[in-house]
Amino acid sequence: LNLNLTRRCNLKCRMCEQHRHQPRSSTTTLSWYDPARELPLA
């Protein structure tokens, strides 16, 4: 099981497919990119 715990990252890697660091990316509308929706421990 690949547990993607967060989409947040402190780097901006050139080859990264996720482009988490681009606030205008269309992916920011997807729920799993929203830090407020990260799962609780439970």
PDB file of all heavy atoms in Angstrom:
ATOM      1  N   LEU A   1       0.855  -1.180   0.000  1.00  0.00           N
ATOM      2  CA  LEU A   1       0.000   0.000   0.000  1.00  0.00           C
ATOM      3  C   LEU A   1       0.890   1.228   0.000  1.00  0.00           C
ATOM      4  O   LEU A   1       1.803   1.349   0.829  1.00  0.00           O
ATOM      5  CB  LEU A   1      -0.909   0.044   1.234  1.00  0.00           C
ATOM      6  CG  LEU A   1      -1.994  -1.012   1.371  1.00  0.00           C
ATOM      7  CD1 LEU A   1      -2.812  -0.756   2.639  1.00  0.00           C
ATOM      8  CD2 LEU A   1      -2.911  -1.029   0.161  1.00  0.00           C
ATOM      9  N   ASN A   2       0.639   2.142  -0.927  1.00  0.00           N
ATOM     10  CA  ASN A   2       1.373   3.399  -0.987  1.00  0.00           C
ATOM     11  C   ASN A   2       0.548   4.469  -0.286  1.00  0.00           C
ATOM     12  O   ASN A   2      -0.462   4.937  -0.835  1.00  0.00           O
ATOM     13  CB  ASN A   2       1.638   3.801  -2.436  1.00  0.00           C
ATOM     14  CG  ASN A   2       2.449   2.768  -3.186  1.00  0.00           C
ATOM     15  OD1 ASN A   2       3.026   1.862  -2.593  1.00  0.00           O
ATOM     16  ND2 ASN A   2       2.497   2.890  -4.491  1.00  0.00           N
ATOM     17  N   LEU A   3       0.944   4.827   0.909  1.00  0.00           N
ATOM     18  CA  LEU A   3       0.211   5.825   1.688  1.00  0.00           C
ATOM     19  C   LEU A   3       0.787   7.203   1.385  1.00  0.00           C
ATOM     20  O   LEU A   3       1.857   7.574   1.871  1.00  0.00           O
ATOM     21  CB  LEU A   3       0.300   5.513   3.183  1.00  0.00           C
ATOM     22  CG  LEU A   3      -0.070   4.088   3.626  1.00  0.00           C
ATOM     23  CD1 LEU A   3      -0.108   4.001   5.144  1.00  0.00           C
ATOM     24  CD2 LEU A   3      -1.389   3.632   3.018  1.00  0.00           C
ATOM     25  N   ASN A   4       0.087   7.950   0.556  1.00  0.00           N
ATOM     26  CA  ASN A   4       0.494   9.318   0.224  1.00  0.00           C
ATOM     27  C   ASN A   4      -0.031  10.232   1.315  1.00  0.00           C
ATOM     28  O   ASN A   4      -1.174  10.705   1.256  1.00  0.00           O
ATOM     29  CB  ASN A   4      -0.080   9.716  -1.140  1.00  0.00           C
ATOM     30  CG  ASN A   4       0.531   8.943  -2.283  1.00  0.00           C
ATOM     31  OD1 ASN A   4       1.373   9.435  -3.016  1.00  0.00           O
ATOM     32  ND2 ASN A   4       0.095   7.690  -2.430  1.00  0.00           N
ATOM     33  N   LEU A   5       0.758  10.473   2.322  1.00  0.00           N
ATOM     34  CA  LEU A   5       0.288  11.135   3.532  1.00  0.00           C
ATOM     35  C   LEU A   5      -0.041  12.596   3.309  1.00  0.00           C
ATOM     36  O   LEU A   5      -0.908  13.148   3.988  1.00  0.00           O
ATOM     37  CB  LEU A   5       1.327  10.997   4.640  1.00  0.00           C
ATOM     38  CG  LEU A   5       1.710   9.560   5.009  1.00  0.00           C
ATOM     39  CD1 LEU A   5       2.758   9.562   6.121  1.00  0.00           C
ATOM     40  CD2 LEU A   5       0.491   8.740   5.413  1.00  0.00           C
ATOM     41  N   THR A   6       0.662  13.242   2.389  1.00  0.00           N
ATOM     42  CA  THR A   6       0.441  14.657   2.115  1.00  0.00           C
ATOM     43  C   THR A   6       0.930  14.960   0.713  1.00  0.00           C
ATOM     44  O   THR A   6       1.800  14.266   0.180  1.00  0.00           O
ATOM     45  CB  THR A   6       1.202  15.546   3.126  1.00  0.00           C
ATOM     46  OG1 THR A   6       0.968  16.922   2.831  1.00  0.00           O
ATOM     47  CG2 THR A   6       2.692  15.266   3.103  1.00  0.00           C
ATOM     48  N   ARG A   7       0.377  15.995   0.094  1.00  0.00           N
ATOM     49  CA  ARG A   7       0.915  16.493  -1.169  1.00  0.00           C
ATOM     50  C   ARG A   7       1.830  17.696  -0.939  1.00  0.00           C
ATOM     51  O   ARG A   7       2.403  18.222  -1.875  1.00  0.00           O
ATOM     52  CB  ARG A   7      -0.230  16.904  -2.111  1.00  0.00           C
ATOM     53  CG  ARG A   7      -1.030  15.749  -2.642  1.00  0.00           C
ATOM     54  CD  ARG A   7      -0.225  14.912  -3.615  1.00  0.00           C
ATOM     55  NE  ARG A   7      -1.067  14.001  -4.358  1.00  0.00           N
ATOM     56  CZ  ARG A   7      -0.623  13.093  -5.215  1.00  0.00           C
ATOM     57  NH1 ARG A   7       0.656  12.975  -5.437  1.00  0.00           N
ATOM     58  NH2 ARG A   7      -1.446  12.294  -5.853  1.00  0.00           N
ATOM     59  N   ARG A   8       1.956  18.130   0.309  1.00  0.00           N
ATOM     60  CA  ARG A   8       2.828  19.261   0.594  1.00  0.00           C
ATOM     61  C   ARG A   8       4.289  18.836   0.472  1.00  0.00           C
ATOM     62  O   ARG A   8       4.639  17.691   0.753  1.00  0.00           O
ATOM     63  CB  ARG A   8       2.558  19.795   1.998  1.00  0.00           C
ATOM     64  CG  ARG A   8       1.217  20.491   2.142  1.00  0.00           C
ATOM     65  CD  ARG A   8       0.958  20.913   3.562  1.00  0.00           C
ATOM     66  NE  ARG A   8       0.693  19.763   4.422  1.00  0.00           N
ATOM     67  CZ  ARG A   8       1.072  19.678   5.691  1.00  0.00           C
ATOM     68  NH1 ARG A   8       1.782  20.670   6.228  1.00  0.00           N
ATOM     69  NH2 ARG A   8       0.771  18.629   6.413  1.00  0.00           N
ATOM     70  N   CYS A   9       5.129  19.764   0.050  1.00  0.00           N
ATOM     71  CA  CYS A   9       6.551  19.483  -0.058  1.00  0.00           C
ATOM     72  C   CYS A   9       7.322  20.786   0.148  1.00  0.00           C
ATOM     73  O   CYS A   9       6.827  21.868  -0.166  1.00  0.00           O
ATOM     74  CB  CYS A   9       6.887  18.869  -1.418  1.00  0.00           C
ATOM     75  SG  CYS A   9       8.589  18.238  -1.516  1.00  0.00           S
ATOM     76  N   ASN A  10       8.539  20.659   0.660  1.00  0.00           N
ATOM     77  CA  ASN A  10       9.376  21.826   0.911  1.00  0.00           C
ATOM     78  C   ASN A  10      10.405  22.039  -0.191  1.00  0.00           C
ATOM     79  O   ASN A  10      11.267  22.902  -0.067  1.00  0.00           O
ATOM     80  CB  ASN A  10      10.070  21.695   2.270  1.00  0.00           C
ATOM     81  CG  ASN A  10      10.889  20.414   2.381  1.00  0.00           C
ATOM     82  OD1 ASN A  10      10.688  19.465   1.636  1.00  0.00           O
ATOM     83  ND2 ASN A  10      11.799  20.379   3.335  1.00  0.00           N
ATOM     84  N   LEU A  11      10.342  21.250  -1.282  1.00  0.00           N
ATOM     85  CA  LEU A  11      11.235  21.431  -2.419  1.00  0.00           C
ATOM     86  C   LEU A  11      10.420  21.665  -3.691  1.00  0.00           C
ATOM     87  O   LEU A  11       9.192  21.473  -3.692  1.00  0.00           O
ATOM     88  CB  LEU A  11      12.150  20.210  -2.593  1.00  0.00           C
ATOM     89  CG  LEU A  11      13.072  19.868  -1.421  1.00  0.00           C
ATOM     90  CD1 LEU A  11      13.947  18.677  -1.768  1.00  0.00           C
ATOM     91  CD2 LEU A  11      13.936  21.058  -1.020  1.00  0.00           C
ATOM     92  N   LYS A  12      11.104  22.065  -4.755  1.00  0.00           N
ATOM     93  CA  LYS A  12      10.458  22.341  -6.041  1.00  0.00           C
ATOM     94  C   LYS A  12      11.240  21.630  -7.148  1.00  0.00           C
ATOM     95  O   LYS A  12      11.895  22.254  -7.976  1.00  0.00           O
ATOM     96  CB  LYS A  12      10.394  23.850  -6.299  1.00  0.00           C
ATOM     97  CG  LYS A  12       9.590  24.609  -5.261  1.00  0.00           C
ATOM     98  CD  LYS A  12       9.511  26.092  -5.584  1.00  0.00           C
ATOM     99  CE  LYS A  12       8.681  26.834  -4.555  1.00  0.00           C
ATOM    100  NZ  LYS A  12       8.569  28.287  -4.856  1.00  0.00           N
ATOM    101  N   CYS A  13      11.135  20.335  -7.149  1.00  0.00           N
ATOM    102  CA  CYS A  13      11.956  19.517  -8.038  1.00  0.00           C
ATOM    103  C   CYS A  13      11.514  19.662  -9.490  1.00  0.00           C
ATOM    104  O   CYS A  13      10.328  19.604  -9.802  1.00  0.00           O
ATOM    105  CB  CYS A  13      11.887  18.054  -7.615  1.00  0.00           C
ATOM    106  SG  CYS A  13      12.306  17.812  -5.868  1.00  0.00           S
ATOM    107  N   ARG A  14      12.503  19.818 -10.368  1.00  0.00           N
ATOM    108  CA  ARG A  14      12.215  20.104 -11.781  1.00  0.00           C
ATOM    109  C   ARG A  14      11.419  18.985 -12.440  1.00  0.00           C
ATOM    110  O   ARG A  14      10.574  19.240 -13.304  1.00  0.00           O
ATOM    111  CB  ARG A  14      13.533  20.310 -12.531  1.00  0.00           C
ATOM    112  CG  ARG A  14      14.239  21.591 -12.163  1.00  0.00           C
ATOM    113  CD  ARG A  14      15.643  21.657 -12.718  1.00  0.00           C
ATOM    114  NE  ARG A  14      15.686  21.509 -14.175  1.00  0.00           N
ATOM    115  CZ  ARG A  14      16.793  21.574 -14.891  1.00  0.00           C
ATOM    116  NH1 ARG A  14      17.950  21.775 -14.276  1.00  0.00           N
ATOM    117  NH2 ARG A  14      16.759  21.436 -16.191  1.00  0.00           N
ATOM    118  N   MET A  15      11.684  17.734 -12.074  1.00  0.00           N
ATOM    119  CA  MET A  15      11.069  16.608 -12.776  1.00  0.00           C
ATOM    120  C   MET A  15       9.817  16.084 -12.072  1.00  0.00           C
ATOM    121  O   MET A  15       9.237  15.099 -12.506  1.00  0.00           O
ATOM    122  CB  MET A  15      12.071  15.468 -12.946  1.00  0.00           C
ATOM    123  CG  MET A  15      12.517  14.817 -11.659  1.00  0.00           C
ATOM    124  SD  MET A  15      13.564  15.921 -10.670  1.00  0.00           S
ATOM    125  CE  MET A  15      14.119  14.835  -9.378  1.00  0.00           C
ATOM    126  N   CYS A  16       9.401  16.743 -11.009  1.00  0.00           N
ATOM    127  CA  CYS A  16       8.250  16.254 -10.252  1.00  0.00           C
ATOM    128  C   CYS A  16       6.962  16.418 -11.049  1.00  0.00           C
ATOM    129  O   CYS A  16       6.640  17.519 -11.512  1.00  0.00           O
ATOM    130  CB  CYS A  16       8.149  16.996  -8.927  1.00  0.00           C
ATOM    131  SG  CYS A  16       6.764  16.443  -7.920  1.00  0.00           S
ATOM    132  N   GLU A  17       6.215  15.342 -11.181  1.00  0.00           N
ATOM    133  CA  GLU A  17       4.976  15.374 -11.955  1.00  0.00           C
ATOM    134  C   GLU A  17       3.856  16.114 -11.234  1.00  0.00           C
ATOM    135  O   GLU A  17       2.906  16.592 -11.848  1.00  0.00           O
ATOM    136  CB  GLU A  17       4.508  13.945 -12.252  1.00  0.00           C
ATOM    137  CG  GLU A  17       5.442  13.168 -13.164  1.00  0.00           C
ATOM    138  CD  GLU A  17       4.954  11.762 -13.422  1.00  0.00           C
ATOM    139  OE1 GLU A  17       3.926  11.391 -12.835  1.00  0.00           O
ATOM    140  OE2 GLU A  17       5.591  11.038 -14.202  1.00  0.00           O
ATOM    141  N   GLN A  18       3.934  16.182  -9.916  1.00  0.00           N
ATOM    142  CA  GLN A  18       2.798  16.704  -9.160  1.00  0.00           C
ATOM    143  C   GLN A  18       2.685  18.222  -9.235  1.00  0.00           C
ATOM    144  O   GLN A  18       1.587  18.761  -9.137  1.00  0.00           O
ATOM    145  CB  GLN A  18       2.921  16.265  -7.696  1.00  0.00           C
ATOM    146  CG  GLN A  18       2.903  14.757  -7.530  1.00  0.00           C
ATOM    147  CD  GLN A  18       3.027  14.355  -6.085  1.00  0.00           C
ATOM    148  OE1 GLN A  18       2.057  14.405  -5.346  1.00  0.00           O
ATOM    149  NE2 GLN A  18       4.220  13.956  -5.682  1.00  0.00           N
ATOM    150  N   HIS A  19       3.812  18.891  -9.366  1.00  0.00           N
ATOM    151  CA  HIS A  19       3.803  20.354  -9.421  1.00  0.00           C
ATOM    152  C   HIS A  19       2.976  20.956  -8.282  1.00  0.00           C
ATOM    153  O   HIS A  19       2.131  21.813  -8.481  1.00  0.00           O
ATOM    154  CB  HIS A  19       3.293  20.847 -10.787  1.00  0.00           C
ATOM    155  CG  HIS A  19       4.300  20.675 -11.880  1.00  0.00           C
ATOM    156  ND1 HIS A  19       4.962  21.719 -12.466  1.00  0.00           N
ATOM    157  CD2 HIS A  19       4.783  19.560 -12.474  1.00  0.00           C
ATOM    158  CE1 HIS A  19       5.797  21.257 -13.376  1.00  0.00           C
ATOM    159  NE2 HIS A  19       5.715  19.955 -13.396  1.00  0.00           N
ATOM    160  N   ARG A  20       3.254  20.472  -7.099  1.00  0.00           N
ATOM    161  CA  ARG A  20       2.504  20.949  -5.925  1.00  0.00           C
ATOM    162  C   ARG A  20       2.755  22.415  -5.673  1.00  0.00           C
ATOM    163  O   ARG A  20       1.960  23.090  -5.029  1.00  0.00           O
ATOM    164  CB  ARG A  20       2.944  20.143  -4.700  1.00  0.00           C
ATOM    165  CG  ARG A  20       2.597  18.670  -4.775  1.00  0.00           C
ATOM    166  CD  ARG A  20       3.157  17.939  -3.574  1.00  0.00           C
ATOM    167  NE  ARG A  20       4.596  17.914  -3.583  1.00  0.00           N
ATOM    168  CZ  ARG A  20       5.312  16.972  -4.192  1.00  0.00           C
ATOM    169  NH1 ARG A  20       4.700  16.013  -4.838  1.00  0.00           N
ATOM    170  NH2 ARG A  20       6.624  16.996  -4.160  1.00  0.00           N
ATOM    171  N   HIS A  21       3.899  22.908  -6.165  1.00  0.00           N
ATOM    172  CA  HIS A  21       4.315  24.267  -5.825  1.00  0.00           C
ATOM    173  C   HIS A  21       3.707  25.309  -6.738  1.00  0.00           C
ATOM    174  O   HIS A  21       3.969  26.487  -6.588  1.00  0.00           O
ATOM    175  CB  HIS A  21       5.837  24.362  -5.906  1.00  0.00           C
ATOM    176  CG  HIS A  21       6.381  23.936  -7.238  1.00  0.00           C
ATOM    177  ND1 HIS A  21       6.498  22.610  -7.586  1.00  0.00           N
ATOM    178  CD2 HIS A  21       6.820  24.650  -8.292  1.00  0.00           C
ATOM    179  CE1 HIS A  21       7.006  22.534  -8.815  1.00  0.00           C
ATOM    180  NE2 HIS A  21       7.212  23.755  -9.255  1.00  0.00           N
ATOM    181  N   GLN A  22       2.893  24.886  -7.712  1.00  0.00           N
ATOM    182  CA  GLN A  22       2.298  25.843  -8.638  1.00  0.00           C
ATOM    183  C   GLN A  22       0.839  26.105  -8.248  1.00  0.00           C
ATOM    184  O   GLN A  22      -0.036  25.314  -8.543  1.00  0.00           O
ATOM    185  CB  GLN A  22       2.372  25.321 -10.076  1.00  0.00           C
ATOM    186  CG  GLN A  22       3.804  25.217 -10.599  1.00  0.00           C
ATOM    187  CD  GLN A  22       3.857  24.860 -12.059  1.00  0.00           C
ATOM    188  OE1 GLN A  22       2.832  24.755 -12.715  1.00  0.00           O
ATOM    189  NE2 GLN A  22       5.063  24.677 -12.580  1.00  0.00           N
ATOM    190  N   PRO A  23       0.572  27.198  -7.581  1.00  0.00           N
ATOM    191  CA  PRO A  23      -0.781  27.434  -7.060  1.00  0.00           C
ATOM    192  C   PRO A  23      -1.844  27.545  -8.139  1.00  0.00           C
ATOM    193  O   PRO A  23      -3.016  27.352  -7.874  1.00  0.00           O
ATOM    194  CB  PRO A  23      -0.628  28.752  -6.277  1.00  0.00           C
ATOM    195  CG  PRO A  23       0.585  29.406  -6.854  1.00  0.00           C
ATOM    196  CD  PRO A  23       1.500  28.295  -7.247  1.00  0.00           C
ATOM    197  N   ARG A  24      -1.446  27.868  -9.379  1.00  0.00           N
ATOM    198  CA  ARG A  24      -2.443  28.016 -10.430  1.00  0.00           C
ATOM    199  C   ARG A  24      -2.660  26.732 -11.223  1.00  0.00           C
ATOM    200  O   ARG A  24      -3.424  26.711 -12.184  1.00  0.00           O
ATOM    201  CB  ARG A  24      -2.028  29.135 -11.386  1.00  0.00           C
ATOM    202  CG  ARG A  24      -2.009  30.505 -10.713  1.00  0.00           C
ATOM    203  CD  ARG A  24      -1.723  31.616 -11.709  1.00  0.00           C
ATOM    204  NE  ARG A  24      -1.713  32.912 -11.066  1.00  0.00           N
ATOM    205  CZ  ARG A  24      -1.511  34.058 -11.702  1.00  0.00           C
ATOM    206  NH1 ARG A  24      -1.292  34.054 -13.006  1.00  0.00           N
ATOM    207  NH2 ARG A  24      -1.510  35.195 -11.041  1.00  0.00           N
ATOM    208  N   SER A  25      -1.972  25.685 -10.838  1.00  0.00           N
ATOM    209  CA  SER A  25      -2.139  24.415 -11.550  1.00  0.00           C
ATOM    210  C   SER A  25      -3.570  23.930 -11.421  1.00  0.00           C
ATOM    211  O   SER A  25      -4.226  24.083 -10.387  1.00  0.00           O
ATOM    212  CB  SER A  25      -1.199  23.362 -10.967  1.00  0.00           C
ATOM    213  OG  SER A  25      -1.517  22.088 -11.468  1.00  0.00           O
ATOM    214  N   SER A  26      -4.067  23.303 -12.481  1.00  0.00           N
ATOM    215  CA  SER A  26      -5.440  22.778 -12.446  1.00  0.00           C
ATOM    216  C   SER A  26      -5.609  21.728 -11.375  1.00  0.00           C
ATOM    217  O   SER A  26      -6.711  21.447 -10.918  1.00  0.00           O
ATOM    218  CB  SER A  26      -5.804  22.183 -13.815  1.00  0.00           C
ATOM    219  OG  SER A  26      -4.940  21.101 -14.125  1.00  0.00           O
ATOM    220  N   THR A  27      -4.497  21.103 -10.952  1.00  0.00           N
ATOM    221  CA  THR A  27      -4.594  20.050  -9.956  1.00  0.00           C
ATOM    222  C   THR A  27      -4.998  20.566  -8.582  1.00  0.00           C
ATOM    223  O   THR A  27      -5.402  19.783  -7.735  1.00  0.00           O
ATOM    224  CB  THR A  27      -3.251  19.315  -9.826  1.00  0.00           C
ATOM    225  OG1 THR A  27      -2.243  20.265  -9.499  1.00  0.00           O
ATOM    226  CG2 THR A  27      -2.874  18.624 -11.119  1.00  0.00           C
ATOM    227  N   THR A  28      -4.868  21.860  -8.348  1.00  0.00           N
ATOM    228  CA  THR A  28      -5.210  22.384  -7.030  1.00  0.00           C
ATOM    229  C   THR A  28      -6.707  22.279  -6.753  1.00  0.00           C
ATOM    230  O   THR A  28      -7.129  22.430  -5.622  1.00  0.00           O
ATOM    231  CB  THR A  28      -4.769  23.850  -6.884  1.00  0.00           C
ATOM    232  OG1 THR A  28      -5.352  24.631  -7.936  1.00  0.00           O
ATOM    233  CG2 THR A  28      -3.263  23.960  -6.954  1.00  0.00           C
ATOM    234  N   THR A  29      -7.521  22.035  -7.785  1.00  0.00           N
ATOM    235  CA  THR A  29      -8.950  21.862  -7.566  1.00  0.00           C
ATOM    236  C   THR A  29      -9.278  20.449  -7.103  1.00  0.00           C
ATOM    237  O   THR A  29     -10.410  20.186  -6.707  1.00  0.00           O
ATOM    238  CB  THR A  29      -9.731  22.162  -8.855  1.00  0.00           C
ATOM    239  OG1 THR A  29      -9.336  21.217  -9.867  1.00  0.00           O
ATOM    240  CG2 THR A  29      -9.460  23.566  -9.342  1.00  0.00           C
ATOM    241  N   LEU A  30      -8.328  19.536  -7.148  1.00  0.00           N
ATOM    242  CA  LEU A  30      -8.566  18.164  -6.729  1.00  0.00           C
ATOM    243  C   LEU A  30      -8.443  18.058  -5.216  1.00  0.00           C
ATOM    244  O   LEU A  30      -7.536  18.628  -4.609  1.00  0.00           O
ATOM    245  CB  LEU A  30      -7.577  17.225  -7.415  1.00  0.00           C
ATOM    246  CG  LEU A  30      -7.639  17.227  -8.944  1.00  0.00           C
ATOM    247  CD1 LEU A  30      -6.502  16.409  -9.525  1.00  0.00           C
ATOM    248  CD2 LEU A  30      -8.988  16.678  -9.421  1.00  0.00           C
ATOM    249  N   SER A  31      -9.334  17.287  -4.614  1.00  0.00           N
ATOM    250  CA  SER A  31      -9.436  17.263  -3.157  1.00  0.00           C
ATOM    251  C   SER A  31      -8.156  16.789  -2.486  1.00  0.00           C
ATOM    252  O   SER A  31      -7.817  17.231  -1.389  1.00  0.00           O
ATOM    253  CB  SER A  31     -10.599  16.359  -2.737  1.00  0.00           C
ATOM    254  OG  SER A  31     -10.413  15.024  -3.191  1.00  0.00           O
ATOM    255  N   TRP A  32      -7.420  15.887  -3.126  1.00  0.00           N
ATOM    256  CA  TRP A  32      -6.232  15.334  -2.468  1.00  0.00           C
ATOM    257  C   TRP A  32      -5.048  16.294  -2.464  1.00  0.00           C
ATOM    258  O   TRP A  32      -4.018  16.005  -1.881  1.00  0.00           O
ATOM    259  CB  TRP A  32      -5.847  13.998  -3.078  1.00  0.00           C
ATOM    260  CG  TRP A  32      -5.767  13.941  -4.574  1.00  0.00           C
ATOM    261  CD1 TRP A  32      -4.712  14.295  -5.351  1.00  0.00           C
ATOM    262  CD2 TRP A  32      -6.790  13.475  -5.463  1.00  0.00           C
ATOM    263  NE1 TRP A  32      -5.004  14.077  -6.669  1.00  0.00           N
ATOM    264  CE2 TRP A  32      -6.276  13.568  -6.779  1.00  0.00           C
ATOM    265  CE3 TRP A  32      -8.082  12.977  -5.293  1.00  0.00           C
ATOM    266  CZ2 TRP A  32      -7.004  13.196  -7.905  1.00  0.00           C
ATOM    267  CZ3 TRP A  32      -8.809  12.604  -6.408  1.00  0.00           C
ATOM    268  CH2 TRP A  32      -8.279  12.717  -7.698  1.00  0.00           C
ATOM    269  N   TYR A  33      -5.165  17.441  -3.113  1.00  0.00           N
ATOM    270  CA  TYR A  33      -4.121  18.460  -3.049  1.00  0.00           C
ATOM    271  C   TYR A  33      -4.389  19.476  -1.940  1.00  0.00           C
ATOM    272  O   TYR A  33      -3.569  20.362  -1.716  1.00  0.00           O
ATOM    273  CB  TYR A  33      -4.004  19.194  -4.385  1.00  0.00           C
ATOM    274  CG  TYR A  33      -3.222  18.433  -5.420  1.00  0.00           C
ATOM    275  CD1 TYR A  33      -3.832  17.474  -6.212  1.00  0.00           C
ATOM    276  CD2 TYR A  33      -1.861  18.672  -5.611  1.00  0.00           C
ATOM    277  CE1 TYR A  33      -3.119  16.770  -7.162  1.00  0.00           C
ATOM    278  CE2 TYR A  33      -1.144  17.969  -6.553  1.00  0.00           C
ATOM    279  CZ  TYR A  33      -1.774  17.021  -7.327  1.00  0.00           C
ATOM    280  OH  TYR A  33      -1.063  16.321  -8.264  1.00  0.00           O
ATOM    281  N   ASP A  34      -5.507  19.392  -1.275  1.00  0.00           N
ATOM    282  CA  ASP A  34      -5.899  20.369  -0.268  1.00  0.00           C
ATOM    283  C   ASP A  34      -5.352  19.946   1.092  1.00  0.00           C
ATOM    284  O   ASP A  34      -5.795  18.930   1.647  1.00  0.00           O
ATOM    285  CB  ASP A  34      -7.429  20.466  -0.220  1.00  0.00           C
ATOM    286  CG  ASP A  34      -7.919  21.525   0.743  1.00  0.00           C
ATOM    287  OD1 ASP A  34      -7.094  22.135   1.458  1.00  0.00           O
ATOM    288  OD2 ASP A  34      -9.148  21.742   0.795  1.00  0.00           O
ATOM    289  N   PRO A  35      -4.395  20.683   1.676  1.00  0.00           N
ATOM    290  CA  PRO A  35      -3.840  20.288   2.974  1.00  0.00           C
ATOM    291  C   PRO A  35      -4.892  20.167   4.070  1.00  0.00           C
ATOM    292  O   PRO A  35      -4.716  19.396   5.020  1.00  0.00           O
ATOM    293  CB  PRO A  35      -2.835  21.404   3.284  1.00  0.00           C
ATOM    294  CG  PRO A  35      -2.502  22.008   1.963  1.00  0.00           C
ATOM    295  CD  PRO A  35      -3.747  21.890   1.133  1.00  0.00           C
ATOM    296  N   ALA A  36      -5.986  20.920   3.937  1.00  0.00           N
ATOM    297  CA  ALA A  36      -7.022  20.861   4.955  1.00  0.00           C
ATOM    298  C   ALA A  36      -7.764  19.529   4.950  1.00  0.00           C
ATOM    299  O   ALA A  36      -8.476  19.214   5.911  1.00  0.00           O
ATOM    300  CB  ALA A  36      -8.023  22.006   4.749  1.00  0.00           C
ATOM    301  N   ARG A  37      -7.616  18.761   3.866  1.00  0.00           N
ATOM    302  CA  ARG A  37      -8.326  17.478   3.766  1.00  0.00           C
ATOM    303  C   ARG A  37      -7.434  16.277   4.051  1.00  0.00           C
ATOM    304  O   ARG A  37      -7.838  15.143   3.818  1.00  0.00           O
ATOM    305  CB  ARG A  37      -8.950  17.340   2.377  1.00  0.00           C
ATOM    306  CG  ARG A  37      -9.948  18.430   2.035  1.00  0.00           C
ATOM    307  CD  ARG A  37     -10.756  18.067   0.811  1.00  0.00           C
ATOM    308  NE  ARG A  37     -11.581  19.170   0.366  1.00  0.00           N
ATOM    309  CZ  ARG A  37     -12.501  19.097  -0.586  1.00  0.00           C
ATOM    310  NH1 ARG A  37     -12.705  17.936  -1.206  1.00  0.00           N
ATOM    311  NH2 ARG A  37     -13.208  20.138  -0.948  1.00  0.00           N
ATOM    312  N   GLU A  38      -6.227  16.500   4.539  1.00  0.00           N
ATOM    313  CA  GLU A  38      -5.385  15.371   4.898  1.00  0.00           C
ATOM    314  C   GLU A  38      -6.053  14.541   5.990  1.00  0.00           C
ATOM    315  O   GLU A  38      -6.652  15.081   6.922  1.00  0.00           O
ATOM    316  CB  GLU A  38      -4.021  15.864   5.380  1.00  0.00           C
ATOM    317  CG  GLU A  38      -3.174  16.466   4.273  1.00  0.00           C
ATOM    318  CD  GLU A  38      -1.881  17.061   4.761  1.00  0.00           C
ATOM    319  OE1 GLU A  38      -1.609  16.991   5.976  1.00  0.00           O
ATOM    320  OE2 GLU A  38      -1.146  17.632   3.923  1.00  0.00           O
ATOM    321  N   LEU A  39      -5.931  13.230   5.874  1.00  0.00           N
ATOM    322  CA  LEU A  39      -6.622  12.338   6.797  1.00  0.00           C
ATOM    323  C   LEU A  39      -6.105  12.495   8.221  1.00  0.00           C
ATOM    324  O   LEU A  39      -4.897  12.657   8.440  1.00  0.00           O
ATOM    325  CB  LEU A  39      -6.424  10.888   6.363  1.00  0.00           C
ATOM    326  CG  LEU A  39      -7.146  10.422   5.106  1.00  0.00           C
ATOM    327  CD1 LEU A  39      -6.826   8.959   4.851  1.00  0.00           C
ATOM    328  CD2 LEU A  39      -8.640  10.640   5.196  1.00  0.00           C
ATOM    329  N   PRO A  40      -6.985  12.416   9.188  1.00  0.00           N
ATOM    330  CA  PRO A  40      -6.526  12.361  10.579  1.00  0.00           C
ATOM    331  C   PRO A  40      -5.909  11.001  10.868  1.00  0.00           C
ATOM    332  O   PRO A  40      -6.082  10.036  10.117  1.00  0.00           O
ATOM    333  CB  PRO A  40      -7.825  12.563  11.373  1.00  0.00           C
ATOM    334  CG  PRO A  40      -8.900  12.029  10.481  1.00  0.00           C
ATOM    335  CD  PRO A  40      -8.463  12.357   9.079  1.00  0.00           C
ATOM    336  N   LEU A  41      -5.179  10.913  11.943  1.00  0.00           N
ATOM    337  CA  LEU A  41      -4.521   9.664  12.313  1.00  0.00           C
ATOM    338  C   LEU A  41      -5.524   8.522  12.434  1.00  0.00           C
ATOM    339  O   LEU A  41      -5.239   7.384  12.019  1.00  0.00           O
ATOM    340  CB  LEU A  41      -3.776   9.857  13.639  1.00  0.00           C
ATOM    341  CG  LEU A  41      -3.087   8.622  14.210  1.00  0.00           C
ATOM    342  CD1 LEU A  41      -1.991   8.139  13.280  1.00  0.00           C
ATOM    343  CD2 LEU A  41      -2.543   8.928  15.601  1.00  0.00           C
ATOM    344  N   ALA A  42      -6.704   8.800  12.970  1.00  0.00           N
ATOM    345  CA  ALA A  42      -7.692   7.741  13.202  1.00  0.00           C
ATOM    346  C   ALA A  42      -8.089   7.036  11.905  1.00  0.00           C
ATOM    347  O   ALA A  42      -8.332   5.827  11.904  1.00  0.00           O
ATOM    348  CB  ALA A  42      -8.929   8.318  13.886  1.00  0.00           C
TER     349      ALA A  42
END
